[in-house]
Amino acid sequence: LEVTSPGLYGEVWINNRPYGFPPLSAQALPAGPARVEVRVNGEVKRRMTVEVEPGRSTRVRVR
């Protein structure tokens, strides 16, 4: 899962786990829905759910 967030700088959380700051690539996520959040100072600024497909790269642009 590749995550970018142009214009919004915050920590990326995927399925309630911190993954760091974008741009980032989260490896070895299980197939199925993934909840992506961008948090700034602990507050959720953006939230979305994306479908992670096995064997495929998924790109997410959070604005």
N, C-alpha and C. Protein backbone atom coordinates (compact mmCIF):
# COMPACT_ATOMS: atom_id res chain seq x y z
N LEU A 1 0.86 -1.17 0.00
CA LEU A 1 0.00 0.00 0.00
C LEU A 1 0.90 1.22 0.00
N GLU A 2 0.81 2.03 -1.04
CA GLU A 2 1.60 3.25 -1.14
C GLU A 2 0.71 4.44 -0.82
N VAL A 3 1.16 5.27 0.12
CA VAL A 3 0.35 6.40 0.58
C VAL A 3 1.09 7.71 0.37
N THR A 4 0.42 8.65 -0.28
CA THR A 4 0.91 10.03 -0.38
C THR A 4 -0.18 10.95 0.16
N SER A 5 0.22 12.12 0.59
CA SER A 5 -0.77 13.09 1.09
C SER A 5 -0.31 14.51 0.77
N PRO A 6 -0.39 14.88 -0.51
CA PRO A 6 0.04 16.23 -0.87
C PRO A 6 -0.79 17.30 -0.16
N GLY A 7 -0.10 18.25 0.43
CA GLY A 7 -0.80 19.34 1.11
C GLY A 7 -1.24 19.03 2.53
N LEU A 8 -1.02 17.81 2.98
CA LEU A 8 -1.41 17.43 4.35
C LEU A 8 -0.27 16.61 4.93
N TYR A 9 0.44 17.18 5.92
CA TYR A 9 1.57 16.48 6.52
C TYR A 9 1.17 15.97 7.89
N GLY A 10 1.07 14.68 8.01
CA GLY A 10 0.73 14.06 9.28
C GLY A 10 1.15 12.61 9.26
N GLU A 11 1.04 11.95 10.39
CA GLU A 11 1.43 10.55 10.51
C GLU A 11 0.34 9.65 9.93
N VAL A 12 0.77 8.67 9.15
CA VAL A 12 -0.16 7.72 8.55
C VAL A 12 -0.33 6.52 9.47
N TRP A 13 -1.59 6.19 9.73
CA TRP A 13 -1.95 5.00 10.49
C TRP A 13 -2.74 4.09 9.56
N ILE A 14 -2.44 2.80 9.59
CA ILE A 14 -3.17 1.82 8.79
C ILE A 14 -3.65 0.73 9.74
N ASN A 15 -4.95 0.52 9.74
CA ASN A 15 -5.56 -0.48 10.64
C ASN A 15 -5.13 -0.28 12.09
N ASN A 16 -5.16 0.98 12.52
CA ASN A 16 -4.86 1.36 13.91
C ASN A 16 -3.40 1.15 14.32
N ARG A 17 -2.48 1.13 13.33
CA ARG A 17 -1.05 1.03 13.63
C ARG A 17 -0.31 2.15 12.92
N PRO A 18 0.64 2.81 13.60
CA PRO A 18 1.39 3.88 12.96
C PRO A 18 2.39 3.33 11.94
N TYR A 19 2.48 3.99 10.79
CA TYR A 19 3.40 3.56 9.73
C TYR A 19 4.40 4.63 9.36
N GLY A 20 4.28 5.83 9.89
CA GLY A 20 5.24 6.88 9.58
C GLY A 20 4.61 8.00 8.77
N PHE A 21 5.49 8.77 8.12
CA PHE A 21 5.05 9.96 7.40
C PHE A 21 5.16 9.74 5.89
N PRO A 22 4.21 10.28 5.15
CA PRO A 22 4.21 10.07 3.70
C PRO A 22 5.29 10.90 3.01
N PRO A 23 5.70 10.46 1.82
CA PRO A 23 5.21 9.27 1.13
C PRO A 23 5.78 8.01 1.78
N LEU A 24 4.97 6.96 1.80
CA LEU A 24 5.43 5.71 2.40
C LEU A 24 4.85 4.52 1.66
N SER A 25 5.49 3.39 1.89
CA SER A 25 5.04 2.13 1.32
C SER A 25 4.92 1.12 2.45
N ALA A 26 3.70 0.69 2.72
CA ALA A 26 3.45 -0.30 3.77
C ALA A 26 3.43 -1.68 3.12
N GLN A 27 4.34 -2.53 3.54
CA GLN A 27 4.47 -3.87 2.96
C GLN A 27 3.73 -4.91 3.79
N ALA A 28 3.42 -6.01 3.17
CA ALA A 28 2.88 -7.20 3.84
C ALA A 28 1.55 -6.97 4.56
N LEU A 29 0.72 -6.09 4.02
CA LEU A 29 -0.61 -5.93 4.60
C LEU A 29 -1.49 -7.08 4.11
N PRO A 30 -2.38 -7.55 4.93
CA PRO A 30 -3.27 -8.62 4.48
C PRO A 30 -4.26 -8.10 3.43
N ALA A 31 -4.68 -8.99 2.55
CA ALA A 31 -5.68 -8.61 1.55
C ALA A 31 -6.99 -8.28 2.25
N GLY A 32 -7.74 -7.37 1.64
CA GLY A 32 -9.02 -6.97 2.21
C GLY A 32 -9.03 -5.49 2.51
N PRO A 33 -10.05 -5.03 3.22
CA PRO A 33 -10.15 -3.60 3.51
C PRO A 33 -9.06 -3.14 4.48
N ALA A 34 -8.52 -1.96 4.21
CA ALA A 34 -7.53 -1.35 5.09
C ALA A 34 -8.02 0.06 5.43
N ARG A 35 -8.02 0.37 6.70
CA ARG A 35 -8.44 1.70 7.15
C ARG A 35 -7.21 2.59 7.23
N VAL A 36 -7.20 3.65 6.44
CA VAL A 36 -6.06 4.57 6.37
C VAL A 36 -6.47 5.89 7.01
N GLU A 37 -5.63 6.36 7.93
CA GLU A 37 -5.88 7.65 8.59
C GLU A 37 -4.62 8.49 8.52
N VAL A 38 -4.79 9.80 8.41
CA VAL A 38 -3.69 10.74 8.56
C VAL A 38 -3.99 11.55 9.81
N ARG A 39 -3.06 11.50 10.76
CA ARG A 39 -3.24 12.17 12.04
C ARG A 39 -2.22 13.30 12.19
N VAL A 40 -2.70 14.43 12.64
CA VAL A 40 -1.84 15.58 12.92
C VAL A 40 -1.98 15.88 14.40
N ASN A 41 -0.86 15.83 15.13
CA ASN A 41 -0.86 16.02 16.58
C ASN A 41 -1.87 15.11 17.27
N GLY A 42 -1.98 13.87 16.78
CA GLY A 42 -2.87 12.90 17.40
C GLY A 42 -4.32 12.97 16.95
N GLU A 43 -4.68 14.00 16.21
CA GLU A 43 -6.07 14.17 15.77
C GLU A 43 -6.22 13.66 14.33
N VAL A 44 -7.25 12.84 14.10
CA VAL A 44 -7.50 12.32 12.76
C VAL A 44 -8.00 13.45 11.87
N LYS A 45 -7.23 13.72 10.80
CA LYS A 45 -7.61 14.77 9.85
C LYS A 45 -8.29 14.20 8.62
N ARG A 46 -7.88 13.00 8.21
CA ARG A 46 -8.49 12.32 7.06
C ARG A 46 -8.60 10.84 7.39
N ARG A 47 -9.66 10.23 6.87
CA ARG A 47 -9.87 8.80 7.10
C ARG A 47 -10.51 8.22 5.84
N MET A 48 -10.02 7.06 5.42
CA MET A 48 -10.61 6.38 4.27
C MET A 48 -10.36 4.88 4.38
N THR A 49 -11.17 4.12 3.70
CA THR A 49 -10.98 2.67 3.63
C THR A 49 -10.67 2.31 2.19
N VAL A 50 -9.62 1.53 2.00
CA VAL A 50 -9.22 1.09 0.66
C VAL A 50 -9.15 -0.43 0.64
N GLU A 51 -9.28 -1.00 -0.53
CA GLU A 51 -9.23 -2.45 -0.69
C GLU A 51 -7.82 -2.84 -1.12
N VAL A 52 -7.17 -3.67 -0.31
CA VAL A 52 -5.84 -4.19 -0.64
C VAL A 52 -6.04 -5.53 -1.33
N GLU A 53 -5.51 -5.64 -2.55
CA GLU A 53 -5.67 -6.86 -3.33
C GLU A 53 -4.38 -7.67 -3.28
N PRO A 54 -4.48 -8.99 -3.14
CA PRO A 54 -3.28 -9.82 -3.05
C PRO A 54 -2.45 -9.74 -4.34
N GLY A 55 -1.14 -9.58 -4.17
CA GLY A 55 -0.23 -9.55 -5.30
C GLY A 55 -0.26 -8.28 -6.13
N ARG A 56 -0.98 -7.27 -5.69
CA ARG A 56 -1.08 -6.02 -6.44
C ARG A 56 -0.67 -4.85 -5.55
N SER A 57 -0.14 -3.82 -6.18
CA SER A 57 0.21 -2.61 -5.45
C SER A 57 -0.98 -1.66 -5.48
N THR A 58 -1.32 -1.12 -4.33
CA THR A 58 -2.44 -0.19 -4.22
C THR A 58 -1.89 1.18 -3.85
N ARG A 59 -2.28 2.19 -4.59
CA ARG A 59 -1.82 3.56 -4.31
C ARG A 59 -2.98 4.39 -3.79
N VAL A 60 -2.69 5.13 -2.73
CA VAL A 60 -3.70 5.98 -2.11
C VAL A 60 -3.15 7.40 -2.03
N ARG A 61 -3.96 8.34 -2.46
CA ARG A 61 -3.60 9.76 -2.34
C ARG A 61 -4.61 10.40 -1.40
N VAL A 62 -4.14 10.79 -0.23
CA VAL A 62 -5.00 11.38 0.78
C VAL A 62 -4.88 12.89 0.70
N ARG A 63 -6.01 13.58 0.57
CA ARG A 63 -5.99 15.04 0.48
C ARG A 63 -6.77 15.65 1.62
